PDB file of N, CA and C in Angstrom:
ATOM      1  N   MET A   1      -6.387  -8.579  12.445  1.00  0.00           N
ATOM      2  CA  MET A   1      -6.042  -6.826  12.575  1.00  0.00           C
ATOM      3  C   MET A   1      -7.098  -6.268  13.140  1.00  0.00           C
ATOM      4  N   THR A   2      -6.213  -4.935  13.754  1.00  0.00           N
ATOM      5  CA  THR A   2      -6.588  -5.133  14.773  1.00  0.00           C
ATOM      6  C   THR A   2      -7.218  -3.223  14.630  1.00  0.00           C
ATOM      7  N   MET A   3      -7.972  -2.652  15.100  1.00  0.00           N
ATOM      8  CA  MET A   3      -8.195  -1.106  14.681  1.00  0.00           C
ATOM      9  C   MET A   3      -7.337   0.000  14.275  1.00  0.00           C
ATOM     10  N   GLN A   4      -6.602  -0.542  14.782  1.00  0.00           N
ATOM     11  CA  GLN A   4      -5.464   0.402  15.345  1.00  0.00           C
ATOM     12  C   GLN A   4      -4.684   0.459  14.312  1.00  0.00           C
ATOM     13  N   ALA A   5      -4.285  -0.607  13.062  1.00  0.00           N
ATOM     14  CA  ALA A   5      -3.668  -1.121  12.083  1.00  0.00           C
ATOM     15  C   ALA A   5      -4.558  -0.919  11.146  1.00  0.00           C
ATOM     16  N   LEU A   6      -5.874   0.167  10.654  1.00  0.00           N
ATOM     17  CA  LEU A   6      -5.857   0.794   9.620  1.00  0.00           C
ATOM     18  C   LEU A   6      -7.475   1.477  10.440  1.00  0.00           C
ATOM     19  N   ALA A   7      -7.248   2.737   9.129  1.00  0.00           N
ATOM     20  CA  ALA A   7      -8.019   3.765   9.947  1.00  0.00           C
ATOM     21  C   ALA A   7      -8.561   4.828   8.736  1.00  0.00           C
ATOM     22  N   ALA A   8      -9.377   5.043   8.720  1.00  0.00           N
ATOM     23  CA  ALA A   8     -10.403   5.484   7.598  1.00  0.00           C
ATOM     24  C   ALA A   8      -9.779   7.223   7.414  1.00  0.00           C
ATOM     25  N   SER A   9     -10.158   8.457   6.510  1.00  0.00           N
ATOM     26  CA  SER A   9     -10.789   9.261   6.907  1.00  0.00           C
ATOM     27  C   SER A   9     -11.483   9.737   5.129  1.00  0.00           C
ATOM     28  N   ALA A  10     -12.090  10.817   4.780  1.00  0.00           N
ATOM     29  CA  ALA A  10     -12.654  10.819   3.829  1.00  0.00           C
ATOM     30  C   ALA A  10     -11.009  10.599   2.468  1.00  0.00           C
ATOM     31  N   ALA A  11     -10.031  11.831   2.810  1.00  0.00           N
ATOM     32  CA  ALA A  11      -9.604  11.640   1.623  1.00  0.00           C
ATOM     33  C   ALA A  11      -8.395   9.611   1.550  1.00  0.00           C
ATOM     34  N   THR A  12      -8.019  10.173   2.468  1.00  0.00           N
ATOM     35  CA  THR A  12      -7.068   9.558   3.369  1.00  0.00           C
ATOM     36  C   THR A  12      -7.464   7.920   4.292  1.00  0.00           C
ATOM     37  N   THR A  13      -6.618   7.285   4.056  1.00  0.00           N
ATOM     38  CA  THR A  13      -6.578   5.602   4.933  1.00  0.00           C
ATOM     39  C   THR A  13      -5.236   5.831   5.690  1.00  0.00           C
ATOM     40  N   THR A  14      -5.046   5.513   6.695  1.00  0.00           N
ATOM     41  CA  THR A  14      -4.306   5.313   7.391  1.00  0.00           C
ATOM     42  C   THR A  14      -3.718   3.640   7.682  1.00  0.00           C
ATOM     43  N   VAL A  15      -2.243   3.041   7.242  1.00  0.00           N
ATOM     44  CA  VAL A  15      -2.208   2.021   7.302  1.00  0.00           C
ATOM     45  C   VAL A  15      -1.523   1.243   8.550  1.00  0.00           C
ATOM     46  N   ASP A  16      -1.508   1.041   9.652  1.00  0.00           N
ATOM     47  CA  ASP A  16       0.265   1.123  10.354  1.00  0.00           C
ATOM     48  C   ASP A  16       0.282  -0.550  10.428  1.00  0.00           C
ATOM     49  N   VAL A  17       1.642  -1.274   9.940  1.00  0.00           N
ATOM     50  CA  VAL A  17       1.827  -2.611   9.623  1.00  0.00           C
ATOM     51  C   VAL A  17       2.801  -2.512  10.581  1.00  0.00           C
ATOM     52  N   ARG A  18       3.080  -1.965  11.244  1.00  0.00           N
ATOM     53  CA  ARG A  18       4.165  -2.399  12.400  1.00  0.00           C
ATOM     54  C   ARG A  18       4.276  -3.431  13.617  1.00  0.00           C
ATOM     55  N   SER A  19       2.549  -3.957  13.602  1.00  0.00           N
ATOM     56  CA  SER A  19       2.441  -4.619  14.698  1.00  0.00           C
ATOM     57  C   SER A  19       1.544  -6.119  13.557  1.00  0.00           C
ATOM     58  N   ILE A  20       1.942  -6.308  11.807  1.00  0.00           N
ATOM     59  CA  ILE A  20       1.666  -7.351  11.128  1.00  0.00           C
ATOM     60  C   ILE A  20       2.338  -7.994  10.961  1.00  0.00           C
ATOM     61  N   ALA A  21       2.002  -9.282  10.576  1.00  0.00           N
ATOM     62  CA  ALA A  21       2.461  -9.920  10.338  1.00  0.00           C
ATOM     63  C   ALA A  21       3.693  -9.508   9.092  1.00  0.00           C
ATOM     64  N   PRO A  22       4.827 -10.071   8.841  1.00  0.00           N
ATOM     65  CA  PRO A  22       5.971  -9.112   7.920  1.00  0.00           C
ATOM     66  C   PRO A  22       4.829 -10.423   6.488  1.00  0.00           C
ATOM     67  N   ARG A  23       4.136 -11.354   6.194  1.00  0.00           N
ATOM     68  CA  ARG A  23       3.873 -11.852   5.356  1.00  0.00           C
ATOM     69  C   ARG A  23       2.740 -11.605   4.838  1.00  0.00           C
ATOM     70  N   GLU A  24       2.422 -10.724   5.899  1.00  0.00           N
ATOM     71  CA  GLU A  24       0.942 -10.122   5.805  1.00  0.00           C
ATOM     72  C   GLU A  24       0.517  -8.300   5.667  1.00  0.00           C
ATOM     73  N   ARG A  25       1.882  -7.705   5.336  1.00  0.00           N
ATOM     74  CA  ARG A  25       1.809  -6.479   5.370  1.00  0.00           C
ATOM     75  C   ARG A  25       1.154  -6.484   3.806  1.00  0.00           C
ATOM     76  N   HIS A  26       2.243  -6.768   2.754  1.00  0.00           N
ATOM     77  CA  HIS A  26       2.020  -6.247   1.102  1.00  0.00           C
ATOM     78  C   HIS A  26       1.111  -7.003   1.190  1.00  0.00           C
ATOM     79  N   PRO A  27      -0.183  -8.057   1.011  1.00  0.00           N
ATOM     80  CA  PRO A  27      -1.289  -7.955   1.588  1.00  0.00           C
ATOM     81  C   PRO A  27      -2.355  -7.287   1.453  1.00  0.00           C
ATOM     82  N   LEU A  28      -1.681  -6.863   2.951  1.00  0.00           N
ATOM     83  CA  LEU A  28      -3.054  -5.786   2.975  1.00  0.00           C
ATOM     84  C   LEU A  28      -2.624  -4.130   2.647  1.00  0.00           C
ATOM     85  N   ILE A  29      -1.775  -4.231   3.047  1.00  0.00           N
ATOM     86  CA  ILE A  29      -2.029  -2.907   1.808  1.00  0.00           C
ATOM     87  C   ILE A  29      -1.858  -3.040   0.392  1.00  0.00           C
ATOM     88  N   PHE A  30      -2.004  -4.085  -0.777  1.00  0.00           N
ATOM     89  CA  PHE A  30      -2.551  -3.308  -1.645  1.00  0.00           C
ATOM     90  C   PHE A  30      -3.956  -3.255  -2.242  1.00  0.00           C
ATOM     91  N   SER A  31      -4.654  -4.163  -1.197  1.00  0.00           N
ATOM     92  CA  SER A  31      -6.200  -4.488  -0.763  1.00  0.00           C
ATOM     93  C   SER A  31      -6.824  -3.617  -0.812  1.00  0.00           C
ATOM     94  N   THR A  32      -5.715  -2.561   0.556  1.00  0.00           N
ATOM     95  CA  THR A  32      -6.458  -1.280   1.006  1.00  0.00           C
ATOM     96  C   THR A  32      -5.797   0.043  -0.480  1.00  0.00           C
ATOM     97  N   PHE A  33      -5.111  -0.655  -1.038  1.00  0.00           N
ATOM     98  CA  PHE A  33      -5.076   0.535  -1.762  1.00  0.00           C
ATOM     99  C   PHE A  33      -5.493   0.086  -3.301  1.00  0.00           C
ATOM    100  N   ARG A  34      -6.054  -0.909  -3.689  1.00  0.00           N
ATOM    101  CA  ARG A  34      -7.172  -1.228  -4.845  1.00  0.00           C
ATOM    102  C   ARG A  34      -8.318  -0.607  -4.581  1.00  0.00           C
ATOM    103  N   ALA A  35      -8.836  -0.952  -3.386  1.00  0.00           N
ATOM    104  CA  ALA A  35     -10.068  -0.317  -2.939  1.00  0.00           C
ATOM    105  C   ALA A  35     -10.318   1.699  -2.719  1.00  0.00           C
ATOM    106  N   LEU A  36      -9.119   2.130  -3.079  1.00  0.00           N
ATOM    107  CA  LEU A  36      -9.128   3.729  -3.019  1.00  0.00           C
ATOM    108  C   LEU A  36      -9.714   4.148  -4.066  1.00  0.00           C
ATOM    109  N   SER A  37     -10.423   5.311  -4.331  1.00  0.00           N
ATOM    110  CA  SER A  37     -10.372   5.949  -5.533  1.00  0.00           C
ATOM    111  C   SER A  37      -9.396   6.734  -5.689  1.00  0.00           C
ATOM    112  N   VAL A  38      -9.697   7.397  -7.546  1.00  0.00           N
ATOM    113  CA  VAL A  38      -8.524   8.395  -7.148  1.00  0.00           C
ATOM    114  C   VAL A  38      -8.211   9.111  -6.977  1.00  0.00           C
ATOM    115  N   GLY A  39      -7.478   9.665  -7.146  1.00  0.00           N
ATOM    116  CA  GLY A  39      -7.821  11.008  -6.000  1.00  0.00           C
ATOM    117  C   GLY A  39      -6.797  10.721  -4.433  1.00  0.00           C
ATOM    118  N   GLN A  40      -7.363   9.252  -4.239  1.00  0.00           N
ATOM    119  CA  GLN A  40      -7.496   9.093  -2.469  1.00  0.00           C
ATOM    120  C   GLN A  40      -5.699   8.737  -2.042  1.00  0.00           C
ATOM    121  N   THR A  41      -5.853   8.556  -0.544  1.00  0.00           N
ATOM    122  CA  THR A  41      -4.070   8.171  -0.479  1.00  0.00           C
ATOM    123  C   THR A  41      -4.150   7.205   0.726  1.00  0.00           C
ATOM    124  N   LEU A  42      -3.280   6.246   0.951  1.00  0.00           N
ATOM    125  CA  LEU A  42      -3.118   5.708   1.750  1.00  0.00           C
ATOM    126  C   LEU A  42      -1.555   6.196   2.408  1.00  0.00           C
ATOM    127  N   GLU A  43      -1.468   6.655   3.813  1.00  0.00           N
ATOM    128  CA  GLU A  43      -1.125   6.639   4.701  1.00  0.00           C
ATOM    129  C   GLU A  43      -0.050   5.501   5.175  1.00  0.00           C
ATOM    130  N   LEU A  44       1.181   4.914   5.070  1.00  0.00           N
ATOM    131  CA  LEU A  44       1.622   3.884   5.718  1.00  0.00           C
ATOM    132  C   LEU A  44       2.514   4.156   6.780  1.00  0.00           C
ATOM    133  N   ILE A  45       2.843   3.451   7.965  1.00  0.00           N
ATOM    134  CA  ILE A  45       3.062   3.385   8.457  1.00  0.00           C
ATOM    135  C   ILE A  45       4.019   2.213   9.329  1.00  0.00           C
ATOM    136  N   ASN A  46       5.535   2.521   8.996  1.00  0.00           N
ATOM    137  CA  ASN A  46       6.191   1.143   8.987  1.00  0.00           C
ATOM    138  C   ASN A  46       7.382   1.117   9.621  1.00  0.00           C
ATOM    139  N   ASP A  47       8.046   0.475  10.447  1.00  0.00           N
ATOM    140  CA  ASP A  47       9.333   0.095  11.339  1.00  0.00           C
ATOM    141  C   ASP A  47      10.568   0.081  10.536  1.00  0.00           C
ATOM    142  N   HIS A  48      10.351   0.634   9.371  1.00  0.00           N
ATOM    143  CA  HIS A  48      11.552   0.144   7.923  1.00  0.00           C
ATOM    144  C   HIS A  48      11.262   1.177   6.851  1.00  0.00           C
ATOM    145  N   ASP A  49      12.268   1.401   6.482  1.00  0.00           N
ATOM    146  CA  ASP A  49      11.843   1.864   4.576  1.00  0.00           C
ATOM    147  C   ASP A  49      11.342   0.775   3.906  1.00  0.00           C
ATOM    148  N   PRO A  50      10.371   1.330   3.165  1.00  0.00           N
ATOM    149  CA  PRO A  50       9.615   0.641   2.045  1.00  0.00           C
ATOM    150  C   PRO A  50       9.405   0.074   1.308  1.00  0.00           C
ATOM    151  N   LEU A  51      10.812   0.853   0.563  1.00  0.00           N
ATOM    152  CA  LEU A  51      11.240   0.876  -0.505  1.00  0.00           C
ATOM    153  C   LEU A  51      11.057  -0.173  -1.217  1.00  0.00           C
ATOM    154  N   PRO A  52      10.932  -1.427  -1.114  1.00  0.00           N
ATOM    155  CA  PRO A  52      11.042  -3.164  -1.803  1.00  0.00           C
ATOM    156  C   PRO A  52       9.065  -2.873  -1.862  1.00  0.00           C
ATOM    157  N   LEU A  53       8.268  -2.282  -0.737  1.00  0.00           N
ATOM    158  CA  LEU A  53       6.782  -1.738  -1.264  1.00  0.00           C
ATOM    159  C   LEU A  53       7.243  -0.836  -2.380  1.00  0.00           C
ATOM    160  N   TYR A  54       8.252  -0.221  -2.614  1.00  0.00           N
ATOM    161  CA  TYR A  54       7.770   0.854  -3.893  1.00  0.00           C
ATOM    162  C   TYR A  54       8.166   0.641  -5.157  1.00  0.00           C
ATOM    163  N   ASP A  55       9.177  -0.564  -4.698  1.00  0.00           N
ATOM    164  CA  ASP A  55       9.267  -1.927  -6.094  1.00  0.00           C
ATOM    165  C   ASP A  55       8.243  -2.406  -7.012  1.00  0.00           C
ATOM    166  N   HIS A  56       7.780  -2.840  -5.553  1.00  0.00           N
ATOM    167  CA  HIS A  56       6.375  -3.434  -6.045  1.00  0.00           C
ATOM    168  C   HIS A  56       5.022  -2.997  -7.121  1.00  0.00           C
ATOM    169  N   PHE A  57       4.774  -1.757  -6.087  1.00  0.00           N
ATOM    170  CA  PHE A  57       4.253  -0.965  -6.235  1.00  0.00           C
ATOM    171  C   PHE A  57       4.767  -0.684  -8.501  1.00  0.00           C
ATOM    172  N   GLN A  58       5.869  -0.572  -8.308  1.00  0.00           N
ATOM    173  CA  GLN A  58       6.153   0.280  -9.356  1.00  0.00           C
ATOM    174  C   GLN A  58       6.402  -0.991 -10.445  1.00  0.00           C
ATOM    175  N   ALA A  59       5.986  -1.811 -10.076  1.00  0.00           N
ATOM    176  CA  ALA A  59       6.116  -3.332 -10.930  1.00  0.00           C
ATOM    177  C   ALA A  59       5.085  -3.909 -11.274  1.00  0.00           C
ATOM    178  N   GLU A  60       3.939  -3.038 -10.044  1.00  0.00           N
ATOM    179  CA  GLU A  60       2.369  -3.780 -10.187  1.00  0.00           C
ATOM    180  C   GLU A  60       1.164  -2.512 -10.373  1.00  0.00           C
ATOM    181  N   ARG A  61       1.839  -0.951 -10.730  1.00  0.00           N
ATOM    182  CA  ARG A  61       0.868  -0.028 -10.971  1.00  0.00           C
ATOM    183  C   ARG A  61       1.469   0.333 -11.699  1.00  0.00           C
ATOM    184  N   PRO A  62       2.581   1.064 -12.079  1.00  0.00           N
ATOM    185  CA  PRO A  62       3.371   1.851 -13.262  1.00  0.00           C
ATOM    186  C   PRO A  62       2.134   3.578 -13.203  1.00  0.00           C
ATOM    187  N   GLY A  63       2.855   3.931 -12.953  1.00  0.00           N
ATOM    188  CA  GLY A  63       2.135   5.256 -13.101  1.00  0.00           C
ATOM    189  C   GLY A  63       0.755   5.318 -12.588  1.00  0.00           C
ATOM    190  N   GLY A  64       0.478   4.109 -11.764  1.00  0.00           N
ATOM    191  CA  GLY A  64      -0.801   4.560 -11.190  1.00  0.00           C
ATOM    192  C   GLY A  64      -0.632   5.612  -9.962  1.00  0.00           C
ATOM    193  N   PHE A  65      -0.109   5.533  -9.754  1.00  0.00           N
ATOM    194  CA  PHE A  65       0.797   5.263  -7.720  1.00  0.00           C
ATOM    195  C   PHE A  65       1.229   6.834  -7.253  1.00  0.00           C
ATOM    196  N   GLY A  66       1.503   7.537  -6.654  1.00  0.00           N
ATOM    197  CA  GLY A  66       2.259   8.705  -6.448  1.00  0.00           C
ATOM    198  C   GLY A  66       3.244   8.205  -4.539  1.00  0.00           C
ATOM    199  N   TRP A  67       4.495   8.357  -4.813  1.00  0.00           N
ATOM    200  CA  TRP A  67       5.263   7.753  -3.100  1.00  0.00           C
ATOM    201  C   TRP A  67       5.504   9.463  -2.538  1.00  0.00           C
ATOM    202  N   ASP A  68       4.768   9.468  -1.264  1.00  0.00           N
ATOM    203  CA  ASP A  68       5.704  10.536  -0.838  1.00  0.00           C
ATOM    204  C   ASP A  68       6.011   9.960   0.595  1.00  0.00           C
ATOM    205  N   TYR A  69       7.483  10.569   1.347  1.00  0.00           N
ATOM    206  CA  TYR A  69       7.761  10.121   2.007  1.00  0.00           C
ATOM    207  C   TYR A  69       7.953  11.337   3.477  1.00  0.00           C
ATOM    208  N   LEU A  70       6.979  10.915   4.444  1.00  0.00           N
ATOM    209  CA  LEU A  70       5.811  11.812   5.367  1.00  0.00           C
ATOM    210  C   LEU A  70       7.932  12.190   6.248  1.00  0.00           C
ATOM    211  N   GLU A  71       7.902  11.246   7.037  1.00  0.00           N
ATOM    212  CA  GLU A  71       8.718  10.954   8.179  1.00  0.00           C
ATOM    213  C   GLU A  71      10.237   9.355   7.773  1.00  0.00           C
ATOM    214  N   ARG A  72      11.136   9.779   7.731  1.00  0.00           N
ATOM    215  CA  ARG A  72      12.390   8.779   7.376  1.00  0.00           C
ATOM    216  C   ARG A  72      13.019   8.379   8.475  1.00  0.00           C
ATOM    217  N   GLY A  73      12.430   7.106   9.392  1.00  0.00           N
ATOM    218  CA  GLY A  73      12.961   6.423  10.883  1.00  0.00           C
ATOM    219  C   GLY A  73      13.086   7.712  11.970  1.00  0.00           C
ATOM    220  N   PRO A  74      13.635   6.765  13.558  1.00  0.00           N
ATOM    221  CA  PRO A  74      12.770   5.297  12.938  1.00  0.00           C
ATOM    222  C   PRO A  74      11.511   4.879  13.006  1.00  0.00           C
ATOM    223  N   VAL A  75      10.426   5.763  13.259  1.00  0.00           N
ATOM    224  CA  VAL A  75       9.149   5.468  12.309  1.00  0.00           C
ATOM    225  C   VAL A  75       9.319   6.122  10.838  1.00  0.00           C
ATOM    226  N   TRP A  76       8.859   4.964   9.960  1.00  0.00           N
ATOM    227  CA  TRP A  76       8.530   5.277   8.671  1.00  0.00           C
ATOM    228  C   TRP A  76       7.014   5.602   8.401  1.00  0.00           C
ATOM    229  N   ARG A  77       7.129   6.569   7.185  1.00  0.00           N
ATOM    230  CA  ARG A  77       5.559   7.173   6.676  1.00  0.00           C
ATOM    231  C   ARG A  77       5.796   7.627   5.252  1.00  0.00           C
ATOM    232  N   VAL A  78       4.690   7.035   4.365  1.00  0.00           N
ATOM    233  CA  VAL A  78       4.726   7.067   3.166  1.00  0.00           C
ATOM    234  C   VAL A  78       3.586   7.096   3.042  1.00  0.00           C
ATOM    235  N   ARG A  79       3.235   8.820   2.515  1.00  0.00           N
ATOM    236  CA  ARG A  79       1.949   8.328   1.435  1.00  0.00           C
ATOM    237  C   ARG A  79       1.807   7.971   0.468  1.00  0.00           C
ATOM    238  N   ILE A  80       0.883   7.077  -0.099  1.00  0.00           N
ATOM    239  CA  ILE A  80       1.065   6.753  -1.472  1.00  0.00           C
ATOM    240  C   ILE A  80      -0.435   6.961  -2.038  1.00  0.00           C
ATOM    241  N   SER A  81      -0.967   8.022  -3.219  1.00  0.00           N
ATOM    242  CA  SER A  81      -2.027   8.353  -3.721  1.00  0.00           C
ATOM    243  C   SER A  81      -2.060   7.651  -4.922  1.00  0.00           C
ATOM    244  N   LYS A  82      -3.059   7.173  -4.724  1.00  0.00           N
ATOM    245  CA  LYS A  82      -3.418   6.673  -6.046  1.00  0.00           C
ATOM    246  C   LYS A  82      -4.273   7.627  -7.446  1.00  0.00           C
ATOM    247  N   ILE A  83      -3.180   7.866  -8.252  1.00  0.00           N
ATOM    248  CA  ILE A  83      -3.351   8.616  -9.296  1.00  0.00           C
ATOM    249  C   ILE A  83      -3.904   8.097 -10.872  1.00  0.00           C
ATOM    250  N   ASP A  84      -4.283   7.517 -11.122  1.00  0.00           N
ATOM    251  CA  ASP A  84      -4.525   6.462 -11.837  1.00  0.00           C
ATOM    252  C   ASP A  84      -5.293   5.332 -11.576  1.00  0.00           C
ATOM    253  N   THR A  85      -6.064   4.021 -12.596  1.00  0.00           N
ATOM    254  CA  THR A  85      -6.555   3.302 -12.358  1.00  0.00           C
ATOM    255  C   THR A  85      -6.163   2.093 -13.231  1.00  0.00           C
ATOM    256  N   VAL A  86      -4.735   2.017 -12.662  1.00  0.00           N
ATOM    257  CA  VAL A  86      -3.806   1.031 -13.402  1.00  0.00           C
ATOM    258  C   VAL A  86      -4.151  -0.343 -13.333  1.00  0.00           C
ATOM    259  N   ALA A  87      -4.813  -1.264 -14.760  1.00  0.00           N
ATOM    260  CA  ALA A  87      -5.052  -2.956 -14.071  1.00  0.00           C
ATOM    261  C   ALA A  87      -3.774  -3.733 -13.997  1.00  0.00           C
ATOM    262  N   ALA A  88      -3.371  -4.105 -12.663  1.00  0.00           N
ATOM    263  CA  ALA A  88      -2.500  -4.523 -12.596  1.00  0.00           C
ATOM    264  C   ALA A  88      -2.834  -6.535 -13.222  1.00  0.00           C
ATOM    265  N   PRO A  89      -1.525  -6.603 -13.384  1.00  0.00           N
ATOM    266  CA  PRO A  89      -1.181  -7.353 -14.713  1.00  0.00           C
ATOM    267  C   PRO A  89      -1.893  -9.164 -13.942  1.00  0.00           C
ATOM    268  N   HIS A  90      -2.518  -9.311 -13.778  1.00  0.00           N
ATOM    269  CA  HIS A  90      -3.525 -10.536 -13.458  1.00  0.00           C
ATOM    270  C   HIS A  90      -3.814 -10.906 -13.445  1.00  0.00           C
ATOM    271  N   GLY A  91      -3.858 -12.636 -13.669  1.00  0.00           N
ATOM    272  CA  GLY A  91      -4.726 -13.671 -15.198  1.00  0.00           C
ATOM    273  C   GLY A  91      -3.479 -14.624 -14.449  1.00  0.00           C
ATOM    274  N   LYS A  92      -4.027 -15.708 -15.537  1.00  0.00           N
ATOM    275  CA  LYS A  92      -3.820 -16.914 -15.136  1.00  0.00           C
ATOM    276  C   LYS A  92      -2.586 -17.302 -14.804  1.00  0.00           C
ATOM    277  N   GLY A  93      -1.646 -17.871 -13.558  1.00  0.00           N
ATOM    278  CA  GLY A  93      -0.052 -18.091 -13.533  1.00  0.00           C
ATOM    279  C   GLY A  93       0.563 -16.294 -12.660  1.00  0.00           C
ATOM    280  N   SER A  94      -0.451 -15.328 -13.368  1.00  0.00           N
ATOM    281  CA  SER A  94       0.134 -14.108 -13.322  1.00  0.00           C
ATOM    282  C   SER A  94       0.042 -13.453 -12.157  1.00  0.00           C
ATOM    283  N   CYS A  95      -0.525 -14.184 -11.257  1.00  0.00           N
ATOM    284  CA  CYS A  95      -0.512 -13.517  -9.271  1.00  0.00           C
ATOM    285  C   CYS A  95       0.645 -13.734  -8.563  1.00  0.00           C
ATOM    286  N   CYS A  96       0.849 -12.908  -8.427  1.00  0.00           N
ATOM    287  CA  CYS A  96       2.348 -12.848  -7.001  1.00  0.00           C
ATOM    288  C   CYS A  96       2.093 -14.012  -6.050  1.00  0.00           C
ATOM    289  N   GLY A  97       0.377 -13.274  -5.576  1.00  0.00           N
ATOM    290  CA  GLY A  97      -0.771 -12.944  -4.217  1.00  0.00           C
ATOM    291  C   GLY A  97       0.467 -12.480  -3.629  1.00  0.00           C
ATOM    292  N   ALA A  98       0.802 -11.242  -3.749  1.00  0.00           N
ATOM    293  CA  ALA A  98       1.470 -10.611  -2.043  1.00  0.00           C
ATOM    294  C   ALA A  98       0.062  -9.541  -2.425  1.00  0.00           C
ATOM    295  N   CYS A  99      -0.310  -9.097  -3.354  1.00  0.00           N
ATOM    296  CA  CYS A  99      -1.765  -8.047  -3.055  1.00  0.00           C
ATOM    297  C   CYS A  99      -3.011  -8.497  -2.857  1.00  0.00           C
ATOM    298  N   GLY A 100      -2.897  -9.905  -2.808  1.00  0.00           N
ATOM    299  CA  GLY A 100      -3.980 -10.280  -1.869  1.00  0.00           C
ATOM    300  C   GLY A 100      -4.969 -11.207  -2.777  1.00  0.00           C
ATOM    301  N   GLY A 101      -4.212 -10.912  -4.065  1.00  0.00           N
ATOM    302  CA  GLY A 101      -4.532 -12.604  -4.768  1.00  0.00           C
ATOM    303  C   GLY A 101      -6.083 -12.128  -5.795  1.00  0.00           C
ATOM    304  N   ALA A 102      -6.319 -10.915  -5.631  1.00  0.00           N
ATOM    305  CA  ALA A 102      -7.865 -10.446  -6.019  1.00  0.00           C
ATOM    306  C   ALA A 102      -7.709  -9.981  -8.263  1.00  0.00           C
TER     307      ALA A 102
END
């Protein structure tokens, strides 16, 4: 990961996954999101509509995030806000690995 892929300010962390291998994107996004405090945001920059990621968040963090499109193509920017510390359904045999496996 390059320094350009991940940048942070006090309340917002920016993750540009356009240069990241597709199989590494969701683990990076979820590990970055887990590190946020409630009230902080992750700004995602992507090369396509990250709707499958939204569905993944719905499954893993229902009620624990906000999702706001900032730009819709050809570069996609989404602000993902941490609004609650919802426990992910991890445990023996329940982790799909997409969040980084923690």
